[in-house]
C-alpha atoms as a PDB file:
ATOM      1  CA  MET A   1     -58.398  74.952  62.318  1.00  0.00           C
ATOM      2  CA  THR A   2     -55.712  77.945  61.600  1.00  0.00           C
ATOM      3  CA  LEU A   3     -56.153  81.560  62.375  1.00  0.00           C
ATOM      4  CA  PHE A   4     -53.983  83.792  60.301  1.00  0.00           C
ATOM      5  CA  SER A   5     -53.973  86.979  62.863  1.00  0.00           C
ATOM      6  CA  ALA A   6     -51.615  90.346  63.032  1.00  0.00           C
ATOM      7  CA  PRO A   7     -50.533  90.719  66.559  1.00  0.00           C
ATOM      8  CA  ASP A   8     -51.575  94.550  66.438  1.00  0.00           C
ATOM      9  CA  CYS A   9     -55.208  94.118  64.815  1.00  0.00           C
ATOM     10  CA  PRO A  10     -58.244  94.916  66.629  1.00  0.00           C
ATOM     11  CA  ASP A  11     -60.011  92.597  64.451  1.00  0.00           C
ATOM     12  CA  SER A  12     -57.622  89.699  64.933  1.00  0.00           C
ATOM     13  CA  HIS A  13     -58.031  90.503  68.544  1.00  0.00           C
ATOM     14  CA  ARG A  14     -61.823  89.911  68.948  1.00  0.00           C
ATOM     15  CA  VAL A  15     -61.398  86.338  66.744  1.00  0.00           C
ATOM     16  CA  ARG A  16     -58.475  85.643  69.472  1.00  0.00           C
ATOM     17  CA  ILE A  17     -60.770  86.694  72.249  1.00  0.00           C
ATOM     18  CA  VAL A  18     -63.542  84.326  70.742  1.00  0.00           C
ATOM     19  CA  ILE A  19     -61.223  81.535  70.172  1.00  0.00           C
ATOM     20  CA  ALA A  20     -60.168  81.749  74.271  1.00  0.00           C
ATOM     21  CA  GLU A  21     -63.562  82.340  75.566  1.00  0.00           C
ATOM     22  CA  LYS A  22     -64.895  78.933  73.926  1.00  0.00           C
ATOM     23  CA  ASP A  23     -61.059  77.592  74.664  1.00  0.00           C
ATOM     24  CA  ILE A  24     -61.217  76.139  70.831  1.00  0.00           C
ATOM     25  CA  THR A  25     -57.855  74.443  69.927  1.00  0.00           C
ATOM     26  CA  ALA A  26     -56.578  76.744  67.026  1.00  0.00           C
ATOM     27  CA  ASP A  27     -53.399  76.837  65.607  1.00  0.00           C
ATOM     28  CA  ILE A  28     -52.535  80.954  65.896  1.00  0.00           C
ATOM     29  CA  ILE A  29     -50.594  82.258  63.190  1.00  0.00           C
ATOM     30  CA  GLN A  30     -49.163  85.606  63.581  1.00  0.00           C
ATOM     31  CA  ILE A  31     -48.532  87.345  60.545  1.00  0.00           C
ATOM     32  CA  ASP A  32     -46.628  90.921  59.789  1.00  0.00           C
ATOM     33  CA  ARG A  33     -49.073  92.976  57.869  1.00  0.00           C
ATOM     34  CA  THR A  34     -46.015  94.516  56.011  1.00  0.00           C
ATOM     35  CA  HIS A  35     -44.742  91.157  54.669  1.00  0.00           C
ATOM     36  CA  MET A  36     -47.849  88.994  53.850  1.00  0.00           C
ATOM     37  CA  SER A  37     -47.556  85.195  54.274  1.00  0.00           C
ATOM     38  CA  GLU A  38     -47.897  83.174  50.736  1.00  0.00           C
ATOM     39  CA  ASP A  39     -49.636  80.868  52.007  1.00  0.00           C
ATOM     40  CA  LEU A  40     -52.377  83.566  53.129  1.00  0.00           C
ATOM     41  CA  THR A  41     -52.411  84.963  49.714  1.00  0.00           C
ATOM     42  CA  ASP A  42     -53.302  81.543  48.179  1.00  0.00           C
ATOM     43  CA  LEU A  43     -56.394  81.046  50.623  1.00  0.00           C
ATOM     44  CA  ASN A  44     -57.647  84.685  50.957  1.00  0.00           C
ATOM     45  CA  PRO A  45     -58.071  87.171  47.551  1.00  0.00           C
ATOM     46  CA  TYR A  46     -57.584  90.168  49.962  1.00  0.00           C
ATOM     47  CA  ASN A  47     -54.308  89.022  51.485  1.00  0.00           C
ATOM     48  CA  SER A  48     -55.994  90.190  54.973  1.00  0.00           C
ATOM     49  CA  VAL A  49     -56.199  89.272  58.455  1.00  0.00           C
ATOM     50  CA  PRO A  50     -58.037  87.767  60.542  1.00  0.00           C
ATOM     51  CA  THR A  51     -58.335  84.577  58.205  1.00  0.00           C
ATOM     52  CA  LEU A  52     -59.620  81.610  59.602  1.00  0.00           C
ATOM     53  CA  VAL A  53     -59.018  78.244  57.735  1.00  0.00           C
ATOM     54  CA  ASP A  54     -61.376  75.245  59.505  1.00  0.00           C
ATOM     55  CA  ARG A  55     -61.202  72.375  57.104  1.00  0.00           C
ATOM     56  CA  ASP A  56     -62.196  73.554  53.474  1.00  0.00           C
ATOM     57  CA  LEU A  57     -63.862  76.647  54.722  1.00  0.00           C
ATOM     58  CA  VAL A  58     -61.717  79.891  54.442  1.00  0.00           C
ATOM     59  CA  LEU A  59     -63.196  83.054  56.440  1.00  0.00           C
ATOM     60  CA  TYR A  60     -61.922  86.374  56.014  1.00  0.00           C
ATOM     61  CA  ASP A  61     -63.833  88.931  57.661  1.00  0.00           C
ATOM     62  CA  SER A  62     -64.065  89.117  61.382  1.00  0.00           C
ATOM     63  CA  ARG A  63     -67.870  89.627  61.721  1.00  0.00           C
ATOM     64  CA  LEU A  64     -67.981  86.530  60.118  1.00  0.00           C
ATOM     65  CA  ILE A  65     -65.584  84.231  61.333  1.00  0.00           C
ATOM     66  CA  ILE A  66     -66.874  85.314  65.226  1.00  0.00           C
ATOM     67  CA  GLU A  67     -70.587  84.347  64.288  1.00  0.00           C
ATOM     68  CA  TYR A  68     -69.259  81.324  62.781  1.00  0.00           C
ATOM     69  CA  LEU A  69     -67.102  80.122  65.785  1.00  0.00           C
ATOM     70  CA  ASP A  70     -70.364  81.031  68.033  1.00  0.00           C
ATOM     71  CA  GLU A  71     -72.517  78.781  65.769  1.00  0.00           C
ATOM     72  CA  ARG A  72     -69.691  75.934  65.431  1.00  0.00           C
ATOM     73  CA  PHE A  73     -69.090  75.908  69.010  1.00  0.00           C
ATOM     74  CA  PRO A  74     -72.157  76.670  70.479  1.00  0.00           C
ATOM     75  CA  HIS A  75     -70.725  76.686  74.335  1.00  0.00           C
ATOM     76  CA  PRO A  76     -70.918  79.006  76.012  1.00  0.00           C
ATOM     77  CA  PRO A  77     -73.193  81.164  73.623  1.00  0.00           C
ATOM     78  CA  LEU A  78     -72.133  84.645  72.433  1.00  0.00           C
ATOM     79  CA  MET A  79     -75.213  85.569  70.770  1.00  0.00           C
ATOM     80  CA  PRO A  80     -78.483  85.888  72.030  1.00  0.00           C
ATOM     81  CA  VAL A  81     -81.320  83.134  71.013  1.00  0.00           C
ATOM     82  CA  ASP A  82     -83.705  85.801  69.803  1.00  0.00           C
ATOM     83  CA  PRO A  83     -84.194  87.555  66.261  1.00  0.00           C
ATOM     84  CA  VAL A  84     -84.453  90.764  67.721  1.00  0.00           C
ATOM     85  CA  SER A  85     -81.596  90.607  70.415  1.00  0.00           C
ATOM     86  CA  ARG A  86     -79.629  89.136  67.884  1.00  0.00           C
ATOM     87  CA  ALA A  87     -80.273  92.245  65.091  1.00  0.00           C
ATOM     88  CA  LYS A  88     -79.331  94.499  68.216  1.00  0.00           C
ATOM     89  CA  ALA A  89     -76.154  92.526  68.830  1.00  0.00           C
ATOM     90  CA  ARG A  90     -75.274  92.813  65.010  1.00  0.00           C
ATOM     91  CA  LEU A  91     -76.299  96.620  64.725  1.00  0.00           C
ATOM     92  CA  LEU A  92     -73.946  97.350  67.693  1.00  0.00           C
ATOM     93  CA  MET A  93     -70.921  95.401  66.218  1.00  0.00           C
ATOM     94  CA  TYR A  94     -71.587  97.466  63.023  1.00  0.00           C
ATOM     95  CA  ARG A  95     -71.428 100.493  64.965  1.00  0.00           C
ATOM     96  CA  VAL A  96     -68.127  99.768  66.787  1.00  0.00           C
ATOM     97  CA  GLU A  97     -66.483  98.815  63.566  1.00  0.00           C
ATOM     98  CA  ARG A  98     -67.770 102.151  61.855  1.00  0.00           C
ATOM     99  CA  ASP A  99     -67.434 104.387  64.658  1.00  0.00           C
ATOM    100  CA  TRP A 100     -64.556 103.162  66.408  1.00  0.00           C
ATOM    101  CA  TYR A 101     -62.413 100.313  64.634  1.00  0.00           C
ATOM    102  CA  SER A 102     -62.303 103.055  61.345  1.00  0.00           C
ATOM    103  CA  LEU A 103     -60.478 105.352  63.623  1.00  0.00           C
ATOM    104  CA  ILE A 104     -58.185 103.109  65.009  1.00  0.00           C
ATOM    105  CA  TYR A 105     -56.813 102.104  61.615  1.00  0.00           C
ATOM    106  CA  GLN A 106     -55.872 105.379  60.394  1.00  0.00           C
ATOM    107  CA  PHE A 107     -53.651 105.846  63.652  1.00  0.00           C
ATOM    108  CA  ASP A 108     -50.594 104.042  62.133  1.00  0.00           C
ATOM    109  CA  GLU A 109     -50.647 106.252  58.808  1.00  0.00           C
ATOM    110  CA  ALA A 110     -51.440 109.379  60.191  1.00  0.00           C
ATOM    111  CA  ASP A 111     -49.465 112.266  61.020  1.00  0.00           C
ATOM    112  CA  LYS A 112     -49.404 114.248  64.662  1.00  0.00           C
ATOM    113  CA  LYS A 113     -52.134 116.601  63.518  1.00  0.00           C
ATOM    114  CA  GLN A 114     -54.079 113.957  62.170  1.00  0.00           C
ATOM    115  CA  GLN A 115     -53.798 111.796  65.067  1.00  0.00           C
ATOM    116  CA  ALA A 116     -54.782 114.571  67.516  1.00  0.00           C
ATOM    117  CA  GLN A 117     -58.095 114.877  65.425  1.00  0.00           C
ATOM    118  CA  LEU A 118     -58.485 110.986  65.365  1.00  0.00           C
ATOM    119  CA  ARG A 119     -57.938 110.957  69.340  1.00  0.00           C
ATOM    120  CA  LYS A 120     -60.444 113.564  69.820  1.00  0.00           C
ATOM    121  CA  ARG A 121     -63.091 111.976  67.409  1.00  0.00           C
ATOM    122  CA  LEU A 122     -62.501 108.458  69.133  1.00  0.00           C
ATOM    123  CA  ARG A 123     -62.696 109.891  72.696  1.00  0.00           C
ATOM    124  CA  GLU A 124     -65.955 111.861  71.758  1.00  0.00           C
ATOM    125  CA  GLY A 125     -67.525 108.898  70.150  1.00  0.00           C
ATOM    126  CA  LEU A 126     -66.836 106.707  73.323  1.00  0.00           C
ATOM    127  CA  LEU A 127     -68.274 109.679  75.520  1.00  0.00           C
ATOM    128  CA  THR A 128     -71.254 110.045  73.776  1.00  0.00           C
ATOM    129  CA  SER A 129     -71.976 105.873  73.759  1.00  0.00           C
ATOM    130  CA  ALA A 130     -71.512 106.426  77.631  1.00  0.00           C
ATOM    131  CA  SER A 131     -74.653 105.529  78.258  1.00  0.00           C
ATOM    132  CA  LEU A 132     -74.401 101.959  76.964  1.00  0.00           C
ATOM    133  CA  PHE A 133     -71.828 101.142  79.668  1.00  0.00           C
ATOM    134  CA  MET A 134     -74.057 102.658  82.250  1.00  0.00           C
ATOM    135  CA  GLU A 135     -76.735 100.288  81.375  1.00  0.00           C
ATOM    136  CA  ALA A 136     -74.442  97.163  80.908  1.00  0.00           C
ATOM    137  CA  ARG A 137     -74.984  94.877  84.165  1.00  0.00           C
ATOM    138  CA  PRO A 138     -72.481  93.480  83.845  1.00  0.00           C
ATOM    139  CA  TYR A 139     -72.084  92.878  79.967  1.00  0.00           C
ATOM    140  CA  LEU A 140     -73.128  95.415  77.011  1.00  0.00           C
ATOM    141  CA  LEU A 141     -76.261  93.173  76.134  1.00  0.00           C
ATOM    142  CA  GLY A 142     -76.977  92.221  79.869  1.00  0.00           C
ATOM    143  CA  GLU A 143     -76.190  89.338  82.023  1.00  0.00           C
ATOM    144  CA  GLU A 144     -74.308  87.241  79.303  1.00  0.00           C
ATOM    145  CA  PHE A 145     -70.469  87.975  77.751  1.00  0.00           C
ATOM    146  CA  SER A 146     -71.261  88.300  74.140  1.00  0.00           C
ATOM    147  CA  LEU A 147     -69.630  88.974  70.693  1.00  0.00           C
ATOM    148  CA  VAL A 148     -70.342  92.033  71.319  1.00  0.00           C
ATOM    149  CA  ASP A 149     -68.200  92.484  74.285  1.00  0.00           C
ATOM    150  CA  CYS A 150     -65.486  90.741  72.024  1.00  0.00           C
ATOM    151  CA  SER A 151     -65.877  93.577  69.544  1.00  0.00           C
ATOM    152  CA  VAL A 152     -65.444  96.391  72.174  1.00  0.00           C
ATOM    153  CA  ILE A 153     -62.630  95.233  74.193  1.00  0.00           C
ATOM    154  CA  PRO A 154     -60.043  95.647  71.508  1.00  0.00           C
ATOM    155  CA  VAL A 155     -60.655  99.276  71.136  1.00  0.00           C
ATOM    156  CA  LEU A 156     -60.530 100.249  74.758  1.00  0.00           C
ATOM    157  CA  TRP A 157     -57.220  98.008  75.448  1.00  0.00           C
ATOM    158  CA  ARG A 158     -55.596 100.448  73.032  1.00  0.00           C
ATOM    159  CA  LEU A 159     -56.789 103.824  74.421  1.00  0.00           C
ATOM    160  CA  SER A 160     -53.691 104.242  76.291  1.00  0.00           C
ATOM    161  CA  HIS A 161     -51.683 103.126  73.384  1.00  0.00           C
ATOM    162  CA  TYR A 162     -52.816 105.775  71.266  1.00  0.00           C
ATOM    163  CA  GLY A 163     -52.976 108.365  74.244  1.00  0.00           C
ATOM    164  CA  ILE A 164     -56.653 108.360  74.837  1.00  0.00           C
ATOM    165  CA  GLN A 165     -57.630 109.431  78.333  1.00  0.00           C
ATOM    166  CA  LEU A 166     -61.200 108.983  79.581  1.00  0.00           C
ATOM    167  CA  PRO A 167     -62.374 111.599  81.948  1.00  0.00           C
ATOM    168  CA  PRO A 168     -64.051 111.146  85.162  1.00  0.00           C
ATOM    169  CA  ALA A 169     -67.467 111.421  83.554  1.00  0.00           C
ATOM    170  CA  ALA A 170     -66.900 107.989  81.708  1.00  0.00           C
ATOM    171  CA  ALA A 171     -66.180 106.018  84.998  1.00  0.00           C
ATOM    172  CA  ALA A 172     -68.515 103.600  83.772  1.00  0.00           C
ATOM    173  CA  ILE A 173     -66.558 102.832  80.440  1.00  0.00           C
ATOM    174  CA  THR A 174     -63.362 102.587  82.851  1.00  0.00           C
ATOM    175  CA  GLN A 175     -64.713 100.399  85.092  1.00  0.00           C
ATOM    176  CA  TYR A 176     -65.873  98.034  82.621  1.00  0.00           C
ATOM    177  CA  ALA A 177     -62.471  98.148  80.751  1.00  0.00           C
ATOM    178  CA  LYS A 178     -60.846  97.085  84.014  1.00  0.00           C
ATOM    179  CA  THR A 179     -63.349  94.289  84.580  1.00  0.00           C
ATOM    180  CA  MET A 180     -63.079  93.081  81.053  1.00  0.00           C
ATOM    181  CA  PHE A 181     -59.510  93.296  80.956  1.00  0.00           C
ATOM    182  CA  GLU A 182     -59.429  90.777  83.957  1.00  0.00           C
ATOM    183  CA  ARG A 183     -61.455  88.288  82.319  1.00  0.00           C
ATOM    184  CA  PRO A 184     -58.909  85.111  81.490  1.00  0.00           C
ATOM    185  CA  SER A 185     -60.091  84.943  78.019  1.00  0.00           C
ATOM    186  CA  VAL A 186     -59.317  88.213  77.185  1.00  0.00           C
ATOM    187  CA  ARG A 187     -56.036  88.250  78.986  1.00  0.00           C
ATOM    188  CA  ASN A 188     -55.230  84.736  77.054  1.00  0.00           C
ATOM    189  CA  SER A 189     -56.029  86.272  73.446  1.00  0.00           C
ATOM    190  CA  LEU A 190     -53.469  88.918  73.945  1.00  0.00           C
ATOM    191  CA  SER A 191     -50.374  89.019  71.435  1.00  0.00           C
ATOM    192  CA  GLU A 192     -47.162  90.239  73.076  1.00  0.00           C
ATOM    193  CA  ALA A 193     -47.418  93.522  70.830  1.00  0.00           C
ATOM    194  CA  GLU A 194     -50.869  93.872  72.511  1.00  0.00           C
ATOM    195  CA  ARG A 195     -49.351  93.137  76.049  1.00  0.00           C
ATOM    196  CA  ASP A 196     -46.888  96.133  75.368  1.00  0.00           C
ATOM    197  CA  MET A 197     -49.780  98.311  74.471  1.00  0.00           C
ATOM    198  CA  HIS A 198     -51.370  98.658  77.445  1.00  0.00           C
ATOM    199  CA  ASP A 199     -49.619 100.054  80.900  1.00  0.00           C
END
């Protein structure tokens, strides 16, 4: 199994968290997104990361990849068993991508004024979701670490890198982040570039 990953990419990061959490043996090939690999171009028509290769199967959407890994390596399970809870988990991941990941991906191309607006929007988006973290005991879906946690952690990890500080009213988010950042699978998933992002 091979994962083509970018060292600074949130989508790649969440796949690496799942790989570390499940202790999956995989070759992780770090790709510079400004000079994509020819091998990757041959595998993925979108020439994007993350891209997972497992024998003859090639997957290149992070949500597909993490759900595939969860089914392919069922222990520990990272999705609920019942259909309603699974649907809720998928909806939360969709919201995280649409509301938070989409903003993070705009930072590097934005000028200073646009970055200030992105900072404000991401900070406000997190604050409006604070109740989700207050209810998390100890994880976002309840008692078990899940793919939702794997999806949220890369966003929280990057906040200080993008100059986003959360107010005291967001103490539940800050405490959740601190706890998740100490998790061995999260520490083991980090690229050198990601280690440098977080003080």
